[in-house]
Amino acid sequence: MRISRINRNETGSSPVEQDLSLLDPIIAKNKGKKGNLIPLLQGAQELFGFISKPAFEKLSRETGIPLSDMYGVATFYAQFRLNPVGKNIIKVCHGTACHVQNAVEISESLEEVLKIKDGQTTDDRFFTLESVACLGCCSLAPVMMIGDQTYGKLTGNEAVKIVKNIRLAENN
C-alpha cells in the first residue's frame, strides 16, 4: 500500500485553469454550518477533480476556515486529491490475496509502460496509477480497476495490454 508525503513543490500546483466562481453555490450551501469542512472539500473536488491551492484559498477566505485546518483534513483523508488526476484512474489492488498472487508485477509493468510511478499521472493526463489496499475482489486476485471496470486474474503483460487497448480505443 502506498503511503507518501506530499511534496511541497507539488501541493496544489496546477497548470489547469479553474473557474473558482463555480465554488460559490457550494460555499453558500455550507457556509456557517457545523461540520462543513468535509462537504466543502468534497464539493470542490467534485467540480475540479482535485483541490487546487487557489480553491483552498477561496474556500478559506469565504468561510473563515484556516488553510491549515483545510490542508490537515485534505491530507488526512485518502479521498482528497491535491493534484490533477488522469481521465482513467488505474487502481491496482495490493491487499493480501492480490499481494500473494504477485500484484507487484502488475504495478511494476504498468509503471514501466506508462513511465510513471505509483500515485503519479501521465503527462497527457490520460492515466493515473494508484495502489490500493483492497478492491474486494479477492477471488479474482490479482485485480485492477480502471474506472468502474474490474480486471482479474492478471499478469503484468495482461495489465499492460488492457491499458494499451484503452489508449488505442481513445485514439480511434
N, C-alpha and C. Protein backbone atom coordinates (compact mmCIF):
# COMPACT_ATOMS: atom_id res chain seq x y z
N MET A 1 0.84 -1.16 0.00
CA MET A 1 0.00 0.00 0.00
C MET A 1 0.89 1.23 0.00
N ARG A 2 0.51 2.24 -0.75
CA ARG A 2 1.30 3.44 -0.92
C ARG A 2 1.00 4.43 0.19
N ILE A 3 2.06 4.89 0.84
CA ILE A 3 1.95 5.97 1.80
C ILE A 3 3.09 6.91 1.48
N SER A 4 2.77 8.13 1.14
CA SER A 4 3.83 9.05 0.78
C SER A 4 3.54 10.44 1.32
N ARG A 5 4.58 11.17 1.53
CA ARG A 5 4.46 12.55 1.97
C ARG A 5 4.14 13.43 0.78
N ILE A 6 3.53 14.53 1.04
CA ILE A 6 3.22 15.48 -0.03
C ILE A 6 4.45 16.34 -0.27
N ASN A 7 4.86 16.40 -1.51
CA ASN A 7 5.97 17.25 -1.90
C ASN A 7 5.48 18.70 -1.93
N ARG A 8 6.12 19.56 -1.19
CA ARG A 8 5.67 20.95 -1.11
C ARG A 8 5.64 21.62 -2.48
N ASN A 9 6.53 21.22 -3.36
CA ASN A 9 6.56 21.82 -4.69
C ASN A 9 5.38 21.38 -5.55
N GLU A 10 4.76 20.24 -5.20
CA GLU A 10 3.66 19.73 -5.98
C GLU A 10 2.30 20.10 -5.40
N THR A 11 2.23 20.38 -4.12
CA THR A 11 0.97 20.58 -3.45
C THR A 11 0.17 21.70 -4.10
N GLY A 12 -0.95 21.30 -4.67
CA GLY A 12 -1.86 22.29 -5.22
C GLY A 12 -1.35 23.00 -6.44
N SER A 13 -0.16 22.68 -6.92
CA SER A 13 0.32 23.34 -8.11
C SER A 13 -0.44 22.78 -9.29
N SER A 14 -0.93 23.65 -10.13
CA SER A 14 -1.75 23.16 -11.22
C SER A 14 -1.70 24.09 -12.40
N PRO A 15 -1.33 23.55 -13.57
CA PRO A 15 -1.40 24.35 -14.76
C PRO A 15 -2.84 24.43 -15.29
N VAL A 16 -3.77 23.76 -14.61
CA VAL A 16 -5.16 23.71 -15.03
C VAL A 16 -5.86 24.99 -14.62
N GLU A 17 -6.55 25.61 -15.58
CA GLU A 17 -7.34 26.80 -15.27
C GLU A 17 -8.66 26.36 -14.64
N GLN A 18 -9.05 27.04 -13.58
CA GLN A 18 -10.30 26.71 -12.91
C GLN A 18 -11.14 27.95 -12.74
N ASP A 19 -12.42 27.82 -12.98
CA ASP A 19 -13.36 28.90 -12.73
C ASP A 19 -13.81 28.79 -11.28
N LEU A 20 -13.14 29.52 -10.41
CA LEU A 20 -13.40 29.41 -8.98
C LEU A 20 -14.79 29.91 -8.59
N SER A 21 -15.44 30.66 -9.47
CA SER A 21 -16.81 31.10 -9.16
C SER A 21 -17.77 29.91 -9.08
N LEU A 22 -17.38 28.78 -9.66
CA LEU A 22 -18.20 27.57 -9.55
C LEU A 22 -18.32 27.08 -8.11
N LEU A 23 -17.39 27.54 -7.26
CA LEU A 23 -17.44 27.16 -5.85
C LEU A 23 -18.51 27.94 -5.07
N ASP A 24 -18.99 29.04 -5.62
CA ASP A 24 -19.91 29.90 -4.90
C ASP A 24 -21.16 29.18 -4.37
N PRO A 25 -21.85 28.35 -5.19
CA PRO A 25 -23.02 27.66 -4.64
C PRO A 25 -22.66 26.67 -3.52
N ILE A 26 -21.51 26.05 -3.62
CA ILE A 26 -21.08 25.11 -2.59
C ILE A 26 -20.80 25.87 -1.29
N ILE A 27 -20.15 27.01 -1.42
CA ILE A 27 -19.87 27.83 -0.25
C ILE A 27 -21.17 28.33 0.37
N ALA A 28 -22.09 28.83 -0.47
CA ALA A 28 -23.37 29.34 0.03
C ALA A 28 -24.15 28.26 0.77
N LYS A 29 -24.12 27.05 0.26
CA LYS A 29 -24.86 25.93 0.86
C LYS A 29 -24.27 25.53 2.21
N ASN A 30 -22.95 25.63 2.36
CA ASN A 30 -22.28 25.09 3.56
C ASN A 30 -21.76 26.14 4.53
N LYS A 31 -21.70 27.40 4.13
CA LYS A 31 -21.11 28.45 4.97
C LYS A 31 -21.87 28.57 6.29
N GLY A 32 -21.11 28.56 7.38
CA GLY A 32 -21.68 28.74 8.69
C GLY A 32 -22.28 27.49 9.31
N LYS A 33 -22.33 26.41 8.56
CA LYS A 33 -22.88 25.16 9.11
C LYS A 33 -21.81 24.41 9.88
N LYS A 34 -22.23 23.78 10.95
CA LYS A 34 -21.32 22.95 11.73
C LYS A 34 -20.92 21.74 10.89
N GLY A 35 -19.64 21.39 10.92
CA GLY A 35 -19.16 20.23 10.18
C GLY A 35 -19.12 20.44 8.68
N ASN A 36 -18.91 21.68 8.26
CA ASN A 36 -18.97 21.99 6.84
C ASN A 36 -17.67 21.75 6.07
N LEU A 37 -16.58 21.50 6.75
CA LEU A 37 -15.28 21.42 6.07
C LEU A 37 -15.22 20.29 5.05
N ILE A 38 -15.60 19.09 5.44
CA ILE A 38 -15.53 17.96 4.51
C ILE A 38 -16.48 18.16 3.33
N PRO A 39 -17.73 18.57 3.53
CA PRO A 39 -18.58 18.83 2.36
C PRO A 39 -18.03 19.91 1.43
N LEU A 40 -17.39 20.93 1.98
CA LEU A 40 -16.77 21.96 1.14
C LEU A 40 -15.66 21.37 0.28
N LEU A 41 -14.80 20.57 0.90
CA LEU A 41 -13.69 19.96 0.17
C LEU A 41 -14.21 18.95 -0.86
N GLN A 42 -15.21 18.17 -0.48
CA GLN A 42 -15.79 17.21 -1.42
C GLN A 42 -16.41 17.92 -2.62
N GLY A 43 -17.08 19.02 -2.36
CA GLY A 43 -17.70 19.79 -3.44
C GLY A 43 -16.66 20.35 -4.41
N ALA A 44 -15.59 20.89 -3.86
CA ALA A 44 -14.52 21.43 -4.70
C ALA A 44 -13.89 20.32 -5.54
N GLN A 45 -13.65 19.20 -4.92
CA GLN A 45 -13.04 18.09 -5.67
C GLN A 45 -13.99 17.55 -6.72
N GLU A 46 -15.26 17.49 -6.41
CA GLU A 46 -16.22 17.00 -7.40
C GLU A 46 -16.25 17.92 -8.63
N LEU A 47 -16.12 19.21 -8.40
CA LEU A 47 -16.11 20.17 -9.51
C LEU A 47 -14.88 20.06 -10.39
N PHE A 48 -13.70 19.97 -9.76
CA PHE A 48 -12.44 20.10 -10.48
C PHE A 48 -11.63 18.81 -10.60
N GLY A 49 -12.03 17.77 -9.87
CA GLY A 49 -11.29 16.51 -9.91
C GLY A 49 -10.18 16.45 -8.88
N PHE A 50 -9.84 17.58 -8.30
CA PHE A 50 -8.83 17.69 -7.25
C PHE A 50 -9.04 19.05 -6.60
N ILE A 51 -8.31 19.32 -5.52
CA ILE A 51 -8.45 20.61 -4.83
C ILE A 51 -7.15 21.38 -5.02
N SER A 52 -7.22 22.45 -5.77
CA SER A 52 -6.05 23.26 -6.06
C SER A 52 -5.79 24.27 -4.94
N LYS A 53 -4.61 24.83 -4.94
CA LYS A 53 -4.27 25.86 -3.95
C LYS A 53 -5.23 27.05 -4.06
N PRO A 54 -5.52 27.56 -5.28
CA PRO A 54 -6.49 28.66 -5.36
C PRO A 54 -7.87 28.30 -4.82
N ALA A 55 -8.30 27.05 -5.00
CA ALA A 55 -9.60 26.62 -4.47
C ALA A 55 -9.56 26.61 -2.94
N PHE A 56 -8.46 26.09 -2.36
CA PHE A 56 -8.30 26.12 -0.90
C PHE A 56 -8.38 27.57 -0.40
N GLU A 57 -7.66 28.45 -1.08
CA GLU A 57 -7.60 29.85 -0.64
C GLU A 57 -8.97 30.51 -0.69
N LYS A 58 -9.73 30.27 -1.76
CA LYS A 58 -11.08 30.85 -1.85
C LYS A 58 -11.98 30.30 -0.76
N LEU A 59 -11.95 28.98 -0.57
CA LEU A 59 -12.78 28.38 0.47
C LEU A 59 -12.43 28.95 1.84
N SER A 60 -11.15 29.08 2.12
CA SER A 60 -10.71 29.62 3.40
C SER A 60 -11.15 31.07 3.57
N ARG A 61 -10.90 31.86 2.56
CA ARG A 61 -11.23 33.30 2.60
C ARG A 61 -12.73 33.52 2.82
N GLU A 62 -13.56 32.73 2.14
CA GLU A 62 -15.00 32.98 2.18
C GLU A 62 -15.73 32.28 3.33
N THR A 63 -15.08 31.31 3.95
CA THR A 63 -15.74 30.62 5.07
C THR A 63 -15.10 30.93 6.41
N GLY A 64 -13.87 31.47 6.37
CA GLY A 64 -13.17 31.75 7.61
C GLY A 64 -12.46 30.54 8.20
N ILE A 65 -12.49 29.42 7.51
CA ILE A 65 -11.79 28.22 7.99
C ILE A 65 -10.31 28.38 7.65
N PRO A 66 -9.43 28.25 8.64
CA PRO A 66 -7.99 28.41 8.37
C PRO A 66 -7.49 27.40 7.33
N LEU A 67 -6.57 27.88 6.47
CA LEU A 67 -5.96 27.00 5.47
C LEU A 67 -5.32 25.78 6.11
N SER A 68 -4.70 25.97 7.27
CA SER A 68 -4.04 24.84 7.94
C SER A 68 -5.04 23.75 8.30
N ASP A 69 -6.24 24.14 8.71
CA ASP A 69 -7.28 23.14 9.01
C ASP A 69 -7.71 22.41 7.75
N MET A 70 -7.86 23.16 6.66
CA MET A 70 -8.28 22.54 5.40
C MET A 70 -7.23 21.56 4.89
N TYR A 71 -5.98 21.98 4.89
CA TYR A 71 -4.92 21.09 4.42
C TYR A 71 -4.78 19.88 5.35
N GLY A 72 -4.98 20.10 6.64
CA GLY A 72 -4.90 18.99 7.59
C GLY A 72 -5.92 17.90 7.28
N VAL A 73 -7.15 18.31 7.00
CA VAL A 73 -8.21 17.36 6.67
C VAL A 73 -7.95 16.73 5.31
N ALA A 74 -7.59 17.56 4.32
CA ALA A 74 -7.40 17.06 2.96
C ALA A 74 -6.24 16.08 2.84
N THR A 75 -5.22 16.26 3.68
CA THR A 75 -4.09 15.35 3.62
C THR A 75 -4.29 14.12 4.51
N PHE A 76 -5.22 14.20 5.44
CA PHE A 76 -5.51 13.06 6.30
C PHE A 76 -6.34 12.01 5.57
N TYR A 77 -7.36 12.44 4.86
CA TYR A 77 -8.28 11.52 4.19
C TYR A 77 -7.81 11.22 2.77
N ALA A 78 -7.75 9.92 2.46
CA ALA A 78 -7.27 9.48 1.15
C ALA A 78 -8.21 9.88 0.01
N GLN A 79 -9.44 10.23 0.32
CA GLN A 79 -10.39 10.58 -0.74
C GLN A 79 -10.05 11.90 -1.43
N PHE A 80 -9.25 12.74 -0.78
CA PHE A 80 -8.96 14.05 -1.35
C PHE A 80 -7.66 14.04 -2.16
N ARG A 81 -7.68 14.75 -3.27
CA ARG A 81 -6.53 14.84 -4.16
C ARG A 81 -6.09 16.30 -4.24
N LEU A 82 -4.78 16.50 -4.19
CA LEU A 82 -4.24 17.86 -4.27
C LEU A 82 -3.60 18.14 -5.62
N ASN A 83 -3.63 17.17 -6.49
CA ASN A 83 -3.07 17.32 -7.83
C ASN A 83 -4.04 16.76 -8.84
N PRO A 84 -3.98 17.24 -10.08
CA PRO A 84 -4.88 16.72 -11.11
C PRO A 84 -4.65 15.23 -11.33
N VAL A 85 -5.71 14.53 -11.69
CA VAL A 85 -5.62 13.11 -11.98
C VAL A 85 -5.96 12.88 -13.45
N GLY A 86 -5.62 11.68 -13.91
CA GLY A 86 -5.88 11.33 -15.29
C GLY A 86 -7.35 11.02 -15.55
N LYS A 87 -7.68 10.99 -16.80
CA LYS A 87 -9.03 10.64 -17.23
C LYS A 87 -9.39 9.23 -16.77
N ASN A 88 -8.40 8.34 -16.76
CA ASN A 88 -8.58 6.96 -16.35
C ASN A 88 -7.71 6.68 -15.13
N ILE A 89 -8.34 6.35 -14.02
CA ILE A 89 -7.59 6.03 -12.81
C ILE A 89 -7.47 4.51 -12.72
N ILE A 90 -6.23 4.05 -12.72
CA ILE A 90 -5.94 2.62 -12.62
C ILE A 90 -5.65 2.32 -11.16
N LYS A 91 -6.48 1.48 -10.56
CA LYS A 91 -6.29 1.08 -9.17
C LYS A 91 -5.82 -0.37 -9.16
N VAL A 92 -4.62 -0.59 -8.67
CA VAL A 92 -4.08 -1.94 -8.57
C VAL A 92 -4.20 -2.38 -7.12
N CYS A 93 -4.90 -3.48 -6.91
CA CYS A 93 -5.12 -3.99 -5.56
C CYS A 93 -3.82 -4.61 -5.02
N HIS A 94 -3.47 -4.22 -3.80
CA HIS A 94 -2.32 -4.80 -3.11
C HIS A 94 -2.73 -5.39 -1.78
N GLY A 95 -4.00 -5.79 -1.68
CA GLY A 95 -4.48 -6.50 -0.49
C GLY A 95 -3.79 -7.86 -0.41
N THR A 96 -4.02 -8.57 0.67
CA THR A 96 -3.31 -9.82 0.92
C THR A 96 -3.45 -10.81 -0.24
N ALA A 97 -4.67 -11.08 -0.68
CA ALA A 97 -4.87 -12.07 -1.76
C ALA A 97 -4.15 -11.64 -3.03
N CYS A 98 -4.25 -10.37 -3.38
CA CYS A 98 -3.59 -9.89 -4.60
C CYS A 98 -2.07 -9.85 -4.42
N HIS A 99 -1.64 -9.49 -3.22
CA HIS A 99 -0.20 -9.43 -2.97
C HIS A 99 0.45 -10.81 -3.16
N VAL A 100 -0.16 -11.84 -2.60
CA VAL A 100 0.43 -13.17 -2.72
C VAL A 100 0.32 -13.72 -4.15
N GLN A 101 -0.58 -13.14 -4.95
CA GLN A 101 -0.71 -13.54 -6.36
C GLN A 101 0.11 -12.63 -7.28
N ASN A 102 1.03 -11.86 -6.70
CA ASN A 102 2.01 -11.05 -7.42
C ASN A 102 1.45 -9.75 -8.02
N ALA A 103 0.71 -9.01 -7.24
CA ALA A 103 0.22 -7.71 -7.68
C ALA A 103 1.37 -6.75 -7.97
N VAL A 104 2.51 -6.97 -7.31
CA VAL A 104 3.68 -6.11 -7.54
C VAL A 104 4.08 -6.16 -9.01
N GLU A 105 3.99 -7.32 -9.63
CA GLU A 105 4.33 -7.45 -11.06
C GLU A 105 3.42 -6.56 -11.92
N ILE A 106 2.15 -6.50 -11.56
CA ILE A 106 1.20 -5.66 -12.31
C ILE A 106 1.59 -4.19 -12.18
N SER A 107 1.81 -3.75 -10.95
CA SER A 107 2.19 -2.35 -10.73
C SER A 107 3.49 -2.00 -11.45
N GLU A 108 4.49 -2.85 -11.33
CA GLU A 108 5.78 -2.57 -11.97
C GLU A 108 5.65 -2.54 -13.49
N SER A 109 4.88 -3.44 -14.06
CA SER A 109 4.68 -3.47 -15.51
C SER A 109 3.98 -2.20 -15.99
N LEU A 110 2.97 -1.77 -15.25
CA LEU A 110 2.26 -0.54 -15.61
C LEU A 110 3.14 0.69 -15.45
N GLU A 111 3.93 0.73 -14.37
CA GLU A 111 4.85 1.85 -14.18
C GLU A 111 5.81 1.95 -15.35
N GLU A 112 6.30 0.81 -15.80
CA GLU A 112 7.27 0.79 -16.90
C GLU A 112 6.64 1.28 -18.20
N VAL A 113 5.47 0.77 -18.54
CA VAL A 113 4.86 1.14 -19.82
C VAL A 113 4.31 2.57 -19.80
N LEU A 114 3.80 3.00 -18.67
CA LEU A 114 3.24 4.36 -18.57
C LEU A 114 4.29 5.41 -18.25
N LYS A 115 5.47 4.95 -17.82
CA LYS A 115 6.58 5.84 -17.46
C LYS A 115 6.19 6.78 -16.31
N ILE A 116 5.49 6.21 -15.34
CA ILE A 116 5.12 6.94 -14.12
C ILE A 116 5.30 6.00 -12.94
N LYS A 117 5.32 6.56 -11.76
CA LYS A 117 5.38 5.79 -10.53
C LYS A 117 3.99 5.75 -9.90
N ASP A 118 3.85 4.90 -8.92
CA ASP A 118 2.60 4.80 -8.18
C ASP A 118 2.20 6.18 -7.64
N GLY A 119 0.96 6.54 -7.84
CA GLY A 119 0.45 7.82 -7.36
C GLY A 119 0.62 8.95 -8.36
N GLN A 120 1.26 8.69 -9.49
CA GLN A 120 1.50 9.73 -10.48
C GLN A 120 0.52 9.64 -11.65
N THR A 121 0.53 10.69 -12.45
CA THR A 121 -0.33 10.80 -13.62
C THR A 121 0.54 11.00 -14.85
N THR A 122 0.14 10.38 -15.96
CA THR A 122 0.89 10.55 -17.20
C THR A 122 0.85 12.01 -17.64
N ASP A 123 1.86 12.42 -18.40
CA ASP A 123 1.95 13.82 -18.84
C ASP A 123 0.71 14.27 -19.60
N ASP A 124 0.09 13.36 -20.34
CA ASP A 124 -1.10 13.72 -21.11
C ASP A 124 -2.38 13.64 -20.28
N ARG A 125 -2.24 13.34 -19.00
CA ARG A 125 -3.35 13.21 -18.05
C ARG A 125 -4.39 12.19 -18.49
N PHE A 126 -3.92 11.15 -19.15
CA PHE A 126 -4.83 10.10 -19.58
C PHE A 126 -4.96 9.01 -18.51
N PHE A 127 -3.84 8.70 -17.82
CA PHE A 127 -3.86 7.67 -16.79
C PHE A 127 -3.25 8.18 -15.49
N THR A 128 -3.84 7.75 -14.38
CA THR A 128 -3.26 7.90 -13.05
C THR A 128 -3.16 6.49 -12.48
N LEU A 129 -2.01 6.17 -11.90
CA LEU A 129 -1.77 4.84 -11.34
C LEU A 129 -1.78 4.91 -9.82
N GLU A 130 -2.59 4.06 -9.20
CA GLU A 130 -2.69 4.04 -7.74
C GLU A 130 -2.66 2.61 -7.21
N SER A 131 -1.92 2.40 -6.15
CA SER A 131 -2.01 1.15 -5.40
C SER A 131 -3.06 1.35 -4.33
N VAL A 132 -3.93 0.37 -4.16
CA VAL A 132 -4.97 0.48 -3.14
C VAL A 132 -4.90 -0.74 -2.23
N ALA A 133 -5.44 -0.61 -1.03
CA ALA A 133 -5.34 -1.67 -0.03
C ALA A 133 -6.21 -2.87 -0.38
N CYS A 134 -7.40 -2.66 -0.92
CA CYS A 134 -8.27 -3.79 -1.26
C CYS A 134 -9.40 -3.30 -2.14
N LEU A 135 -9.68 -4.07 -3.18
CA LEU A 135 -10.82 -3.77 -4.06
C LEU A 135 -12.00 -4.70 -3.79
N GLY A 136 -11.83 -5.65 -2.87
CA GLY A 136 -12.92 -6.54 -2.50
C GLY A 136 -13.23 -7.60 -3.54
N CYS A 137 -12.26 -7.95 -4.35
CA CYS A 137 -12.44 -8.97 -5.40
C CYS A 137 -11.42 -10.08 -5.21
N CYS A 138 -11.27 -10.55 -4.00
CA CYS A 138 -10.20 -11.47 -3.65
C CYS A 138 -10.20 -12.75 -4.48
N SER A 139 -11.36 -13.23 -4.88
CA SER A 139 -11.41 -14.46 -5.67
C SER A 139 -10.87 -14.26 -7.08
N LEU A 140 -10.69 -13.01 -7.49
CA LEU A 140 -10.16 -12.70 -8.82
C LEU A 140 -8.69 -12.28 -8.79
N ALA A 141 -8.05 -12.40 -7.65
CA ALA A 141 -6.69 -11.91 -7.45
C ALA A 141 -5.72 -12.48 -8.49
N PRO A 142 -4.78 -11.62 -8.90
CA PRO A 142 -4.63 -10.19 -8.65
C PRO A 142 -5.54 -9.36 -9.56
N VAL A 143 -5.97 -8.22 -9.04
CA VAL A 143 -7.02 -7.42 -9.65
C VAL A 143 -6.58 -5.97 -9.85
N MET A 144 -7.11 -5.36 -10.92
CA MET A 144 -7.01 -3.91 -11.07
C MET A 144 -8.36 -3.41 -11.54
N MET A 145 -8.63 -2.15 -11.25
CA MET A 145 -9.85 -1.49 -11.74
C MET A 145 -9.43 -0.27 -12.54
N ILE A 146 -10.13 -0.03 -13.62
CA ILE A 146 -9.97 1.20 -14.38
C ILE A 146 -11.38 1.75 -14.54
N GLY A 147 -11.62 2.90 -13.91
CA GLY A 147 -12.98 3.41 -13.84
C GLY A 147 -13.83 2.44 -13.05
N ASP A 148 -14.94 1.98 -13.63
CA ASP A 148 -15.79 1.03 -12.93
C ASP A 148 -15.63 -0.40 -13.46
N GLN A 149 -14.63 -0.61 -14.30
CA GLN A 149 -14.37 -1.93 -14.89
C GLN A 149 -13.30 -2.66 -14.07
N THR A 150 -13.60 -3.90 -13.68
CA THR A 150 -12.67 -4.72 -12.91
C THR A 150 -12.04 -5.77 -13.81
N TYR A 151 -10.73 -5.95 -13.66
CA TYR A 151 -9.99 -6.94 -14.43
C TYR A 151 -9.29 -7.86 -13.43
N GLY A 152 -9.53 -9.17 -13.54
CA GLY A 152 -8.99 -10.10 -12.58
C GLY A 152 -8.11 -11.17 -13.17
N LYS A 153 -7.45 -11.89 -12.26
CA LYS A 153 -6.53 -12.98 -12.60
C LYS A 153 -5.50 -12.51 -13.63
N LEU A 154 -4.90 -11.37 -13.34
CA LEU A 154 -4.00 -10.70 -14.27
C LEU A 154 -2.54 -11.10 -14.11
N THR A 155 -1.82 -10.91 -15.17
CA THR A 155 -0.36 -10.89 -15.14
C THR A 155 0.05 -9.47 -15.50
N GLY A 156 1.31 -9.17 -15.35
CA GLY A 156 1.79 -7.85 -15.74
C GLY A 156 1.55 -7.58 -17.21
N ASN A 157 1.83 -8.56 -18.07
CA ASN A 157 1.63 -8.40 -19.51
C ASN A 157 0.17 -8.16 -19.86
N GLU A 158 -0.73 -8.87 -19.20
CA GLU A 158 -2.17 -8.69 -19.47
C GLU A 158 -2.62 -7.30 -19.06
N ALA A 159 -2.12 -6.81 -17.93
CA ALA A 159 -2.48 -5.46 -17.48
C ALA A 159 -2.01 -4.42 -18.49
N VAL A 160 -0.80 -4.60 -19.01
CA VAL A 160 -0.26 -3.67 -20.00
C VAL A 160 -1.11 -3.69 -21.27
N LYS A 161 -1.52 -4.87 -21.71
CA LYS A 161 -2.36 -4.98 -22.91
C LYS A 161 -3.69 -4.25 -22.73
N ILE A 162 -4.28 -4.38 -21.55
CA ILE A 162 -5.55 -3.70 -21.27
C ILE A 162 -5.38 -2.19 -21.37
N VAL A 163 -4.32 -1.68 -20.76
CA VAL A 163 -4.06 -0.24 -20.77
C VAL A 163 -3.80 0.25 -22.20
N LYS A 164 -3.02 -0.51 -22.95
CA LYS A 164 -2.74 -0.13 -24.34
C LYS A 164 -4.01 -0.13 -25.17
N ASN A 165 -4.90 -1.10 -24.95
CA ASN A 165 -6.16 -1.15 -25.69
C ASN A 165 -7.07 0.03 -25.34
N ILE A 166 -7.07 0.45 -24.09
CA ILE A 166 -7.86 1.62 -23.69
C ILE A 166 -7.35 2.86 -24.40
N ARG A 167 -6.03 3.00 -24.45
CA ARG A 167 -5.45 4.17 -25.14
C ARG A 167 -5.76 4.12 -26.64
N LEU A 168 -5.64 2.95 -27.25
CA LEU A 168 -5.97 2.80 -28.68
C LEU A 168 -7.42 3.14 -28.96
N ALA A 169 -8.32 2.67 -28.11
CA ALA A 169 -9.75 2.94 -28.29
C ALA A 169 -10.02 4.45 -28.22
N GLU A 170 -9.30 5.14 -27.37
CA GLU A 170 -9.48 6.58 -27.23
C GLU A 170 -9.01 7.32 -28.48
N ASN A 171 -7.97 6.82 -29.09
CA ASN A 171 -7.40 7.48 -30.27
C ASN A 171 -8.16 7.18 -31.54
N ASN A 172 -9.06 6.20 -31.51
CA ASN A 172 -9.84 5.85 -32.71
C ASN A 172 -11.18 6.52 -32.74
